[in-house]
PDB file of N, CA and C in Angstrom:
ATOM      1  N   MET A   1     -13.110  -9.280  11.898  1.00  0.00           N
ATOM      2  CA  MET A   1     -13.099  -8.198  10.943  1.00  0.00           C
ATOM      3  C   MET A   1     -11.845  -7.361  11.188  1.00  0.00           C
ATOM      4  N   PRO A   2     -11.031  -7.123  10.159  1.00  0.00           N
ATOM      5  CA  PRO A   2      -9.849  -6.284  10.325  1.00  0.00           C
ATOM      6  C   PRO A   2     -10.227  -4.876  10.780  1.00  0.00           C
ATOM      7  N   ALA A   3      -9.365  -4.271  11.561  1.00  0.00           N
ATOM      8  CA  ALA A   3      -9.643  -2.947  12.120  1.00  0.00           C
ATOM      9  C   ALA A   3      -9.905  -1.903  11.047  1.00  0.00           C
ATOM     10  N   GLY A   4      -9.242  -1.993   9.897  1.00  0.00           N
ATOM     11  CA  GLY A   4      -9.456  -1.022   8.816  1.00  0.00           C
ATOM     12  C   GLY A   4     -10.874  -1.061   8.282  1.00  0.00           C
ATOM     13  N   PHE A   5     -11.471  -2.249   8.211  1.00  0.00           N
ATOM     14  CA  PHE A   5     -12.864  -2.361   7.773  1.00  0.00           C
ATOM     15  C   PHE A   5     -13.780  -1.709   8.798  1.00  0.00           C
ATOM     16  N   ALA A   6     -13.546  -1.994  10.064  1.00  0.00           N
ATOM     17  CA  ALA A   6     -14.374  -1.432  11.125  1.00  0.00           C
ATOM     18  C   ALA A   6     -14.299   0.089  11.140  1.00  0.00           C
ATOM     19  N   ALA A   7     -13.153   0.647  10.746  1.00  0.00           N
ATOM     20  CA  ALA A   7     -12.971   2.099  10.716  1.00  0.00           C
ATOM     21  C   ALA A   7     -13.527   2.723   9.441  1.00  0.00           C
ATOM     22  N   GLY A   8     -14.043   1.904   8.524  1.00  0.00           N
ATOM     23  CA  GLY A   8     -14.606   2.429   7.280  1.00  0.00           C
ATOM     24  C   GLY A   8     -13.573   2.856   6.264  1.00  0.00           C
ATOM     25  N   LEU A   9     -12.350   2.336   6.368  1.00  0.00           N
ATOM     26  CA  LEU A   9     -11.268   2.769   5.483  1.00  0.00           C
ATOM     27  C   LEU A   9     -11.153   1.934   4.220  1.00  0.00           C
ATOM     28  N   TYR A  10     -11.923   0.866   4.123  1.00  0.00           N
ATOM     29  CA  TYR A  10     -11.824  -0.008   2.958  1.00  0.00           C
ATOM     30  C   TYR A  10     -13.098   0.028   2.133  1.00  0.00           C
ATOM     31  N   GLU A  11     -13.588   1.216   1.893  1.00  0.00           N
ATOM     32  CA  GLU A  11     -14.772   1.381   1.067  1.00  0.00           C
ATOM     33  C   GLU A  11     -14.336   1.900  -0.290  1.00  0.00           C
ATOM     34  N   GLY A  12     -15.168   1.678  -1.281  1.00  0.00           N
ATOM     35  CA  GLY A  12     -14.874   2.225  -2.598  1.00  0.00           C
ATOM     36  C   GLY A  12     -15.067   1.200  -3.684  1.00  0.00           C
ATOM     37  N   GLU A  13     -15.511   1.674  -4.796  1.00  0.00           N
ATOM     38  CA  GLU A  13     -15.724   0.842  -5.971  1.00  0.00           C
ATOM     39  C   GLU A  13     -14.447   0.792  -6.785  1.00  0.00           C
ATOM     40  N   ASN A  14     -14.210  -0.345  -7.395  1.00  0.00           N
ATOM     41  CA  ASN A  14     -13.121  -0.483  -8.357  1.00  0.00           C
ATOM     42  C   ASN A  14     -11.753  -0.129  -7.766  1.00  0.00           C
ATOM     43  N   VAL A  15     -11.539  -0.551  -6.535  1.00  0.00           N
ATOM     44  CA  VAL A  15     -10.265  -0.340  -5.856  1.00  0.00           C
ATOM     45  C   VAL A  15      -9.594  -1.698  -5.685  1.00  0.00           C
ATOM     46  N   CYS A  16      -8.316  -1.761  -5.987  1.00  0.00           N
ATOM     47  CA  CYS A  16      -7.559  -3.002  -5.833  1.00  0.00           C
ATOM     48  C   CYS A  16      -6.588  -2.848  -4.666  1.00  0.00           C
ATOM     49  N   ASP A  17      -6.731  -3.709  -3.671  1.00  0.00           N
ATOM     50  CA  ASP A  17      -5.803  -3.716  -2.541  1.00  0.00           C
ATOM     51  C   ASP A  17      -4.573  -4.517  -2.928  1.00  0.00           C
ATOM     52  N   ILE A  18      -3.408  -3.931  -2.684  1.00  0.00           N
ATOM     53  CA  ILE A  18      -2.168  -4.623  -3.013  1.00  0.00           C
ATOM     54  C   ILE A  18      -1.314  -4.776  -1.763  1.00  0.00           C
ATOM     55  N   GLY A  19      -0.498  -5.801  -1.769  1.00  0.00           N
ATOM     56  CA  GLY A  19       0.442  -6.035  -0.690  1.00  0.00           C
ATOM     57  C   GLY A  19       1.669  -6.723  -1.247  1.00  0.00           C
ATOM     58  N   LEU A  20       2.788  -6.123  -1.059  1.00  0.00           N
ATOM     59  CA  LEU A  20       4.041  -6.673  -1.565  1.00  0.00           C
ATOM     60  C   LEU A  20       5.031  -6.776  -0.424  1.00  0.00           C
ATOM     61  N   GLY A  21       5.851  -7.784  -0.470  1.00  0.00           N
ATOM     62  CA  GLY A  21       6.897  -7.929   0.532  1.00  0.00           C
ATOM     63  C   GLY A  21       8.200  -8.315  -0.132  1.00  0.00           C
ATOM     64  N   MET A  22       9.268  -7.737   0.349  1.00  0.00           N
ATOM     65  CA  MET A  22      10.589  -8.012  -0.212  1.00  0.00           C
ATOM     66  C   MET A  22      11.431  -8.729   0.845  1.00  0.00           C
ATOM     67  N   LYS A  23      12.199  -9.693   0.419  1.00  0.00           N
ATOM     68  CA  LYS A  23      13.098 -10.384   1.339  1.00  0.00           C
ATOM     69  C   LYS A  23      13.992  -9.352   2.027  1.00  0.00           C
ATOM     70  N   PRO A  24      14.173  -9.477   3.328  1.00  0.00           N
ATOM     71  CA  PRO A  24      14.983  -8.501   4.057  1.00  0.00           C
ATOM     72  C   PRO A  24      16.376  -8.285   3.464  1.00  0.00           C
ATOM     73  N   GLU A  25      17.000  -9.346   2.954  1.00  0.00           N
ATOM     74  CA  GLU A  25      18.352  -9.187   2.405  1.00  0.00           C
ATOM     75  C   GLU A  25      18.365  -8.407   1.090  1.00  0.00           C
ATOM     76  N   LEU A  26      17.195  -8.173   0.497  1.00  0.00           N
ATOM     77  CA  LEU A  26      17.122  -7.398  -0.746  1.00  0.00           C
ATOM     78  C   LEU A  26      16.734  -5.942  -0.514  1.00  0.00           C
ATOM     79  N   THR A  27      16.382  -5.594   0.728  1.00  0.00           N
ATOM     80  CA  THR A  27      16.020  -4.208   1.007  1.00  0.00           C
ATOM     81  C   THR A  27      17.266  -3.337   1.094  1.00  0.00           C
ATOM     82  N   GLY A  28      17.087  -2.063   0.811  1.00  0.00           N
ATOM     83  CA  GLY A  28      18.191  -1.112   0.881  1.00  0.00           C
ATOM     84  C   GLY A  28      19.136  -1.162  -0.302  1.00  0.00           C
ATOM     85  N   LEU A  29      18.770  -1.894  -1.353  1.00  0.00           N
ATOM     86  CA  LEU A  29      19.638  -2.028  -2.529  1.00  0.00           C
ATOM     87  C   LEU A  29      19.133  -1.224  -3.726  1.00  0.00           C
ATOM     88  N   GLY A  30      18.118  -0.394  -3.514  1.00  0.00           N
ATOM     89  CA  GLY A  30      17.581   0.402  -4.612  1.00  0.00           C
ATOM     90  C   GLY A  30      16.641  -0.363  -5.531  1.00  0.00           C
ATOM     91  N   LEU A  31      16.109  -1.481  -5.058  1.00  0.00           N
ATOM     92  CA  LEU A  31      15.233  -2.315  -5.883  1.00  0.00           C
ATOM     93  C   LEU A  31      13.746  -2.034  -5.654  1.00  0.00           C
ATOM     94  N   GLY A  32      13.433  -1.279  -4.641  1.00  0.00           N
ATOM     95  CA  GLY A  32      12.040  -1.087  -4.230  1.00  0.00           C
ATOM     96  C   GLY A  32      11.145  -0.468  -5.280  1.00  0.00           C
ATOM     97  N   ALA A  33      11.607   0.577  -5.955  1.00  0.00           N
ATOM     98  CA  ALA A  33      10.760   1.260  -6.942  1.00  0.00           C
ATOM     99  C   ALA A  33      10.414   0.336  -8.102  1.00  0.00           C
ATOM    100  N   ALA A  34      11.381  -0.402  -8.609  1.00  0.00           N
ATOM    101  CA  ALA A  34      11.114  -1.323  -9.721  1.00  0.00           C
ATOM    102  C   ALA A  34      10.179  -2.447  -9.273  1.00  0.00           C
ATOM    103  N   PHE A  35      10.392  -2.956  -8.066  1.00  0.00           N
ATOM    104  CA  PHE A  35       9.548  -4.012  -7.513  1.00  0.00           C
ATOM    105  C   PHE A  35       8.104  -3.520  -7.380  1.00  0.00           C
ATOM    106  N   MET A  36       7.946  -2.319  -6.831  1.00  0.00           N
ATOM    107  CA  MET A  36       6.622  -1.741  -6.646  1.00  0.00           C
ATOM    108  C   MET A  36       5.957  -1.464  -7.995  1.00  0.00           C
ATOM    109  N   LYS A  37       6.719  -0.936  -8.938  1.00  0.00           N
ATOM    110  CA  LYS A  37       6.183  -0.629 -10.265  1.00  0.00           C
ATOM    111  C   LYS A  37       5.629  -1.889 -10.928  1.00  0.00           C
ATOM    112  N   ARG A  38       6.365  -2.982 -10.834  1.00  0.00           N
ATOM    113  CA  ARG A  38       5.906  -4.246 -11.428  1.00  0.00           C
ATOM    114  C   ARG A  38       4.621  -4.738 -10.752  1.00  0.00           C
ATOM    115  N   GLY A  39       4.567  -4.618  -9.443  1.00  0.00           N
ATOM    116  CA  GLY A  39       3.354  -5.015  -8.729  1.00  0.00           C
ATOM    117  C   GLY A  39       2.154  -4.178  -9.131  1.00  0.00           C
ATOM    118  N   MET A  40       2.374  -2.874  -9.276  1.00  0.00           N
ATOM    119  CA  MET A  40       1.295  -1.984  -9.700  1.00  0.00           C
ATOM    120  C   MET A  40       0.857  -2.317 -11.128  1.00  0.00           C
ATOM    121  N   GLU A  41       1.816  -2.560 -12.007  1.00  0.00           N
ATOM    122  CA  GLU A  41       1.492  -2.911 -13.395  1.00  0.00           C
ATOM    123  C   GLU A  41       0.678  -4.203 -13.459  1.00  0.00           C
ATOM    124  N   PHE A  42       1.045  -5.184 -12.643  1.00  0.00           N
ATOM    125  CA  PHE A  42       0.309  -6.449 -12.599  1.00  0.00           C
ATOM    126  C   PHE A  42      -1.143  -6.202 -12.194  1.00  0.00           C
ATOM    127  N   ALA A  43      -1.338  -5.421 -11.128  1.00  0.00           N
ATOM    128  CA  ALA A  43      -2.689  -5.145 -10.637  1.00  0.00           C
ATOM    129  C   ALA A  43      -3.521  -4.428 -11.695  1.00  0.00           C
ATOM    130  N   VAL A  44      -2.933  -3.453 -12.362  1.00  0.00           N
ATOM    131  CA  VAL A  44      -3.655  -2.702 -13.394  1.00  0.00           C
ATOM    132  C   VAL A  44      -4.014  -3.612 -14.567  1.00  0.00           C
ATOM    133  N   LYS A  45      -3.067  -4.419 -15.003  1.00  0.00           N
ATOM    134  CA  LYS A  45      -3.295  -5.307 -16.152  1.00  0.00           C
ATOM    135  C   LYS A  45      -4.388  -6.339 -15.871  1.00  0.00           C
ATOM    136  N   HIS A  46      -4.368  -6.919 -14.695  1.00  0.00           N
ATOM    137  CA  HIS A  46      -5.276  -8.024 -14.396  1.00  0.00           C
ATOM    138  C   HIS A  46      -6.604  -7.611 -13.771  1.00  0.00           C
ATOM    139  N   TYR A  47      -6.664  -6.424 -13.159  1.00  0.00           N
ATOM    140  CA  TYR A  47      -7.881  -6.034 -12.452  1.00  0.00           C
ATOM    141  C   TYR A  47      -8.472  -4.712 -12.915  1.00  0.00           C
ATOM    142  N   ALA A  48      -7.744  -3.904 -13.676  1.00  0.00           N
ATOM    143  CA  ALA A  48      -8.213  -2.621 -14.223  1.00  0.00           C
ATOM    144  C   ALA A  48      -8.909  -1.735 -13.184  1.00  0.00           C
ATOM    145  N   PRO A  49      -8.278  -1.509 -12.031  1.00  0.00           N
ATOM    146  CA  PRO A  49      -8.910  -0.670 -11.015  1.00  0.00           C
ATOM    147  C   PRO A  49      -8.763   0.816 -11.341  1.00  0.00           C
ATOM    148  N   SER A  50      -9.572   1.636 -10.679  1.00  0.00           N
ATOM    149  CA  SER A  50      -9.398   3.084 -10.795  1.00  0.00           C
ATOM    150  C   SER A  50      -8.429   3.591  -9.727  1.00  0.00           C
ATOM    151  N   GLN A  51      -8.218   2.784  -8.685  1.00  0.00           N
ATOM    152  CA  GLN A  51      -7.294   3.126  -7.603  1.00  0.00           C
ATOM    153  C   GLN A  51      -6.597   1.867  -7.109  1.00  0.00           C
ATOM    154  N   LEU A  52      -5.407   2.068  -6.571  1.00  0.00           N
ATOM    155  CA  LEU A  52      -4.720   1.020  -5.825  1.00  0.00           C
ATOM    156  C   LEU A  52      -4.673   1.471  -4.379  1.00  0.00           C
ATOM    157  N   ARG A  53      -4.776   0.528  -3.461  1.00  0.00           N
ATOM    158  CA  ARG A  53      -4.774   0.850  -2.035  1.00  0.00           C
ATOM    159  C   ARG A  53      -3.874  -0.140  -1.319  1.00  0.00           C
ATOM    160  N   LEU A  54      -3.203   0.333  -0.285  1.00  0.00           N
ATOM    161  CA  LEU A  54      -2.373  -0.534   0.546  1.00  0.00           C
ATOM    162  C   LEU A  54      -2.423  -0.054   1.979  1.00  0.00           C
ATOM    163  N   SER A  55      -2.027  -0.918   2.884  1.00  0.00           N
ATOM    164  CA  SER A  55      -1.860  -0.510   4.279  1.00  0.00           C
ATOM    165  C   SER A  55      -0.442  -0.868   4.689  1.00  0.00           C
ATOM    166  N   ILE A  56       0.114  -0.024   5.537  1.00  0.00           N
ATOM    167  CA  ILE A  56       1.518  -0.158   5.931  1.00  0.00           C
ATOM    168  C   ILE A  56       1.669   0.296   7.381  1.00  0.00           C
ATOM    169  N   ALA A  57       2.500  -0.392   8.133  1.00  0.00           N
ATOM    170  CA  ALA A  57       2.774   0.028   9.507  1.00  0.00           C
ATOM    171  C   ALA A  57       3.333   1.449   9.494  1.00  0.00           C
ATOM    172  N   ALA A  58       2.785   2.312  10.325  1.00  0.00           N
ATOM    173  CA  ALA A  58       3.209   3.712  10.366  1.00  0.00           C
ATOM    174  C   ALA A  58       4.691   3.849  10.698  1.00  0.00           C
ATOM    175  N   SER A  59       5.267   2.853  11.331  1.00  0.00           N
ATOM    176  CA  SER A  59       6.690   2.901  11.694  1.00  0.00           C
ATOM    177  C   SER A  59       7.613   2.551  10.527  1.00  0.00           C
ATOM    178  N   ASN A  60       7.074   2.051   9.422  1.00  0.00           N
ATOM    179  CA  ASN A  60       7.892   1.633   8.280  1.00  0.00           C
ATOM    180  C   ASN A  60       8.144   2.827   7.359  1.00  0.00           C
ATOM    181  N   LYS A  61       8.966   3.747   7.835  1.00  0.00           N
ATOM    182  CA  LYS A  61       9.204   5.018   7.131  1.00  0.00           C
ATOM    183  C   LYS A  61       9.817   4.815   5.750  1.00  0.00           C
ATOM    184  N   ARG A  62      10.690   3.853   5.597  1.00  0.00           N
ATOM    185  CA  ARG A  62      11.335   3.625   4.302  1.00  0.00           C
ATOM    186  C   ARG A  62      10.297   3.231   3.252  1.00  0.00           C
ATOM    187  N   ALA A  63       9.402   2.317   3.605  1.00  0.00           N
ATOM    188  CA  ALA A  63       8.354   1.897   2.664  1.00  0.00           C
ATOM    189  C   ALA A  63       7.396   3.047   2.369  1.00  0.00           C
ATOM    190  N   ILE A  64       7.053   3.824   3.383  1.00  0.00           N
ATOM    191  CA  ILE A  64       6.144   4.959   3.184  1.00  0.00           C
ATOM    192  C   ILE A  64       6.748   5.951   2.199  1.00  0.00           C
ATOM    193  N   ARG A  65       8.032   6.243   2.330  1.00  0.00           N
ATOM    194  CA  ARG A  65       8.694   7.159   1.376  1.00  0.00           C
ATOM    195  C   ARG A  65       8.614   6.605  -0.043  1.00  0.00           C
ATOM    196  N   LEU A  66       8.840   5.312  -0.207  1.00  0.00           N
ATOM    197  CA  LEU A  66       8.743   4.693  -1.527  1.00  0.00           C
ATOM    198  C   LEU A  66       7.324   4.826  -2.070  1.00  0.00           C
ATOM    199  N   TYR A  67       6.327   4.501  -1.265  1.00  0.00           N
ATOM    200  CA  TYR A  67       4.946   4.572  -1.730  1.00  0.00           C
ATOM    201  C   TYR A  67       4.581   6.003  -2.120  1.00  0.00           C
ATOM    202  N   GLU A  68       5.041   6.978  -1.357  1.00  0.00           N
ATOM    203  CA  GLU A  68       4.788   8.378  -1.715  1.00  0.00           C
ATOM    204  C   GLU A  68       5.454   8.718  -3.047  1.00  0.00           C
ATOM    205  N   LYS A  69       6.664   8.215  -3.257  1.00  0.00           N
ATOM    206  CA  LYS A  69       7.350   8.418  -4.536  1.00  0.00           C
ATOM    207  C   LYS A  69       6.564   7.824  -5.698  1.00  0.00           C
ATOM    208  N   MET A  70       5.851   6.747  -5.431  1.00  0.00           N
ATOM    209  CA  MET A  70       5.066   6.066  -6.461  1.00  0.00           C
ATOM    210  C   MET A  70       3.681   6.701  -6.636  1.00  0.00           C
ATOM    211  N   GLY A  71       3.407   7.773  -5.895  1.00  0.00           N
ATOM    212  CA  GLY A  71       2.151   8.504  -6.056  1.00  0.00           C
ATOM    213  C   GLY A  71       1.085   8.228  -5.018  1.00  0.00           C
ATOM    214  N   PHE A  72       1.351   7.344  -4.068  1.00  0.00           N
ATOM    215  CA  PHE A  72       0.367   7.034  -3.034  1.00  0.00           C
ATOM    216  C   PHE A  72       0.273   8.184  -2.042  1.00  0.00           C
ATOM    217  N   GLN A  73      -0.941   8.396  -1.533  1.00  0.00           N
ATOM    218  CA  GLN A  73      -1.185   9.411  -0.510  1.00  0.00           C
ATOM    219  C   GLN A  73      -1.908   8.763   0.664  1.00  0.00           C
ATOM    220  N   GLU A  74      -1.587   9.221   1.851  1.00  0.00           N
ATOM    221  CA  GLU A  74      -2.253   8.709   3.048  1.00  0.00           C
ATOM    222  C   GLU A  74      -3.704   9.170   3.054  1.00  0.00           C
ATOM    223  N   VAL A  75      -4.620   8.225   3.267  1.00  0.00           N
ATOM    224  CA  VAL A  75      -6.044   8.561   3.297  1.00  0.00           C
ATOM    225  C   VAL A  75      -6.698   8.187   4.630  1.00  0.00           C
ATOM    226  N   GLY A  76      -5.940   7.569   5.508  1.00  0.00           N
ATOM    227  CA  GLY A  76      -6.486   7.197   6.802  1.00  0.00           C
ATOM    228  C   GLY A  76      -5.510   6.345   7.584  1.00  0.00           C
ATOM    229  N   SER A  77      -5.944   5.953   8.770  1.00  0.00           N
ATOM    230  CA  SER A  77      -5.119   5.085   9.614  1.00  0.00           C
ATOM    231  C   SER A  77      -6.041   4.286  10.524  1.00  0.00           C
ATOM    232  N   PHE A  78      -5.489   3.205  11.058  1.00  0.00           N
ATOM    233  CA  PHE A  78      -6.242   2.405  12.015  1.00  0.00           C
ATOM    234  C   PHE A  78      -5.257   1.691  12.933  1.00  0.00           C
ATOM    235  N   PRO A  79      -5.654   1.497  14.195  1.00  0.00           N
ATOM    236  CA  PRO A  79      -4.782   0.802  15.144  1.00  0.00           C
ATOM    237  C   PRO A  79      -4.963  -0.710  15.054  1.00  0.00           C
ATOM    238  N   SER A  80      -3.903  -1.417  15.379  1.00  0.00           N
ATOM    239  CA  SER A  80      -3.997  -2.860  15.600  1.00  0.00           C
ATOM    240  C   SER A  80      -3.488  -3.098  17.017  1.00  0.00           C
ATOM    241  N   LYS A  81      -3.373  -4.335  17.412  1.00  0.00           N
ATOM    242  CA  LYS A  81      -2.892  -4.618  18.765  1.00  0.00           C
ATOM    243  C   LYS A  81      -1.461  -4.156  18.970  1.00  0.00           C
ATOM    244  N   GLU A  82      -0.633  -4.240  17.910  1.00  0.00           N
ATOM    245  CA  GLU A  82       0.789  -3.941  18.062  1.00  0.00           C
ATOM    246  C   GLU A  82       1.227  -2.589  17.519  1.00  0.00           C
ATOM    247  N   THR A  83       0.491  -2.039  16.537  1.00  0.00           N
ATOM    248  CA  THR A  83       0.958  -0.813  15.891  1.00  0.00           C
ATOM    249  C   THR A  83      -0.203  -0.088  15.236  1.00  0.00           C
ATOM    250  N   VAL A  84       0.095   1.049  14.662  1.00  0.00           N
ATOM    251  CA  VAL A  84      -0.873   1.804  13.863  1.00  0.00           C
ATOM    252  C   VAL A  84      -0.528   1.579  12.403  1.00  0.00           C
ATOM    253  N   PHE A  85      -1.545   1.370  11.586  1.00  0.00           N
ATOM    254  CA  PHE A  85      -1.354   1.204  10.151  1.00  0.00           C
ATOM    255  C   PHE A  85      -1.889   2.415   9.410  1.00  0.00           C
ATOM    256  N   LEU A  86      -1.187   2.810   8.363  1.00  0.00           N
ATOM    257  CA  LEU A  86      -1.662   3.846   7.458  1.00  0.00           C
ATOM    258  C   LEU A  86      -2.321   3.168   6.269  1.00  0.00           C
ATOM    259  N   VAL A  87      -3.356   3.790   5.744  1.00  0.00           N
ATOM    260  CA  VAL A  87      -3.980   3.364   4.494  1.00  0.00           C
ATOM    261  C   VAL A  87      -3.581   4.400   3.459  1.00  0.00           C
ATOM    262  N   MET A  88      -3.053   3.928   2.327  1.00  0.00           N
ATOM    263  CA  MET A  88      -2.584   4.820   1.270  1.00  0.00           C
ATOM    264  C   MET A  88      -3.224   4.412  -0.052  1.00  0.00           C
ATOM    265  N   ASN A  89      -3.631   5.409  -0.841  1.00  0.00           N
ATOM    266  CA  ASN A  89      -4.247   5.177  -2.147  1.00  0.00           C
ATOM    267  C   ASN A  89      -3.484   5.929  -3.222  1.00  0.00           C
ATOM    268  N   VAL A  90      -3.598   5.421  -4.450  1.00  0.00           N
ATOM    269  CA  VAL A  90      -3.129   6.156  -5.623  1.00  0.00           C
ATOM    270  C   VAL A  90      -4.226   6.053  -6.674  1.00  0.00           C
ATOM    271  N   GLU A  91      -4.583   7.193  -7.266  1.00  0.00           N
ATOM    272  CA  GLU A  91      -5.544   7.226  -8.372  1.00  0.00           C
ATOM    273  C   GLU A  91      -4.803   6.854  -9.639  1.00  0.00           C
ATOM    274  N   LEU A  92      -5.453   6.093 -10.496  1.00  0.00           N
ATOM    275  CA  LEU A  92      -4.832   5.678 -11.752  1.00  0.00           C
ATOM    276  C   LEU A  92      -5.429   6.442 -12.917  1.00  0.00           C
TER     277      LEU A  92
END
């Protein structure tokens, strides 16, 4: 069982968990917001959730800033063997 489930951070009705990854050579080029927007649009179109949720390593400050720009807010955290993860949600 993933640590986030054990911590009770993955509860909720009509929530879509998303996870996106960008090739390292494409990061830092200003493409993140458009990439994230398309991923969010896909999730909304195909799953019609009331919220989107993601988890991100707390050390990934660049991604966290992008997610905050896209409206996500931190709602919790959980440890793993190697790092701490943040759970972030956005209401739609």
